[in-house]
Protein backbone atom coordinates (compact mmCIF):
# COMPACT_ATOMS: atom_id res chain seq x y z
CA MET A 1 -14.13 23.45 -7.84
CA TRP A 2 -11.34 21.02 -8.80
CA ARG A 3 -9.77 23.64 -11.06
CA GLU A 4 -9.77 26.15 -8.23
CA ARG A 5 -7.90 23.66 -6.06
CA GLN A 6 -5.37 23.05 -8.83
CA ARG A 7 -4.77 26.78 -9.12
CA GLY A 8 -4.27 27.03 -5.37
CA LEU A 9 -7.42 29.04 -4.76
CA LEU A 10 -8.87 26.56 -2.26
CA PRO A 11 -6.99 24.99 0.67
CA LEU A 12 -5.94 21.34 0.40
CA THR A 13 -7.97 20.52 3.49
CA SER A 14 -11.15 21.02 1.47
CA LEU A 15 -10.31 18.05 -0.81
CA THR A 16 -12.96 15.36 -0.69
CA GLN A 17 -12.12 11.71 -0.09
CA LYS A 18 -13.09 10.97 -3.71
CA GLU A 19 -10.65 13.60 -5.03
CA ILE A 20 -7.85 12.22 -2.85
CA ALA A 21 -8.58 8.69 -4.10
CA MET A 22 -8.38 9.91 -7.71
CA ASN A 23 -4.67 10.67 -7.23
CA LYS A 24 -3.62 7.47 -5.44
CA GLN A 25 -2.09 4.49 -7.26
CA LEU A 26 -3.45 1.90 -4.80
CA LEU A 27 -6.95 2.30 -3.43
CA ARG A 28 -8.62 0.66 -0.48
CA VAL A 29 -11.72 -1.32 -1.40
CA GLY A 30 -14.02 1.37 0.00
CA GLU A 31 -12.22 4.09 -1.96
CA ALA A 32 -12.50 2.10 -5.20
CA ALA A 33 -16.18 1.51 -4.49
CA ASP A 34 -16.73 5.24 -3.95
CA VAL A 35 -14.92 6.17 -7.17
CA LEU A 36 -17.05 3.76 -9.23
CA ALA A 37 -20.25 4.32 -7.18
CA VAL A 38 -20.68 0.60 -6.47
CA SER A 39 -20.64 -1.48 -3.29
CA ARG A 40 -17.52 -2.82 -1.61
CA TRP A 41 -18.75 -6.34 -2.38
CA THR A 42 -18.91 -5.51 -6.07
CA ILE A 43 -15.24 -4.47 -5.94
CA TYR A 44 -14.30 -7.76 -4.24
CA ARG A 45 -16.29 -9.70 -6.87
CA TRP A 46 -14.73 -7.79 -9.77
CA VAL A 47 -11.21 -8.42 -8.44
CA GLU A 48 -12.03 -12.13 -8.04
CA ASP A 49 -13.49 -12.22 -11.57
CA GLY A 50 -10.46 -10.43 -13.04
CA ARG A 51 -12.34 -7.29 -14.09
CA LEU A 52 -10.18 -5.25 -11.67
CA GLU A 53 -6.59 -5.81 -10.61
CA GLY A 54 -5.67 -5.79 -6.96
CA THR A 55 -3.00 -6.90 -4.54
CA LYS A 56 -3.00 -8.19 -1.00
CA ILE A 57 -1.11 -6.16 1.56
CA GLY A 58 -0.25 -7.63 4.93
CA ARG A 59 -2.68 -10.25 6.17
CA GLY A 60 -5.19 -10.10 3.38
CA SER A 61 -5.86 -6.37 3.17
CA LEU A 62 -6.84 -5.83 -0.48
CA ARG A 63 -5.80 -2.79 -2.50
CA VAL A 64 -7.03 -2.04 -6.01
CA PHE A 65 -4.79 -0.56 -8.68
CA ARG A 66 -6.08 2.84 -9.82
CA ALA A 67 -5.03 2.06 -13.41
CA SER A 68 -7.33 -0.98 -13.44
CA LEU A 69 -10.28 1.25 -12.46
CA ASP A 70 -9.46 3.56 -15.37
CA ARG A 71 -9.22 0.60 -17.77
CA LEU A 72 -12.56 -0.77 -16.55
CA VAL A 73 -14.25 2.56 -17.21
CA GLN A 74 -12.68 2.86 -20.67
CA ARG A 75 -13.63 -0.72 -21.64
CA ASN A 76 -17.24 -0.17 -20.62
CA LYS A 77 -17.75 3.24 -22.14
CA THR A 78 -20.95 3.22 -24.16
CA HIS A 79 -20.37 6.33 -26.30
CA GLU A 80 -18.67 9.68 -26.47
CA LEU A 81 -20.72 12.70 -25.47
CA ASN A 82 -21.30 15.16 -28.27
CA LEU A 83 -21.73 18.55 -26.61
CA THR A 84 -22.10 20.62 -29.78
CA VAL A 85 -25.47 22.24 -30.19
């Protein structure tokens, strides 16, 4: 379905919140939690522990850098999938 959107075959309004979050540089805590399929509290803990990088905006509103999510996934990859049969 993502490829169809990229080719312009589906309207932009049918984008899911997760797909929108995938293209943002700064994510809200809830968006980061959705992308990684963890709780919001886990995101807060991981930022505090240094596993994710974030920044405060305004009066304490936390945003998580998308690049830090990607790095976390890459660091914790267990193996490459071999799809040859």
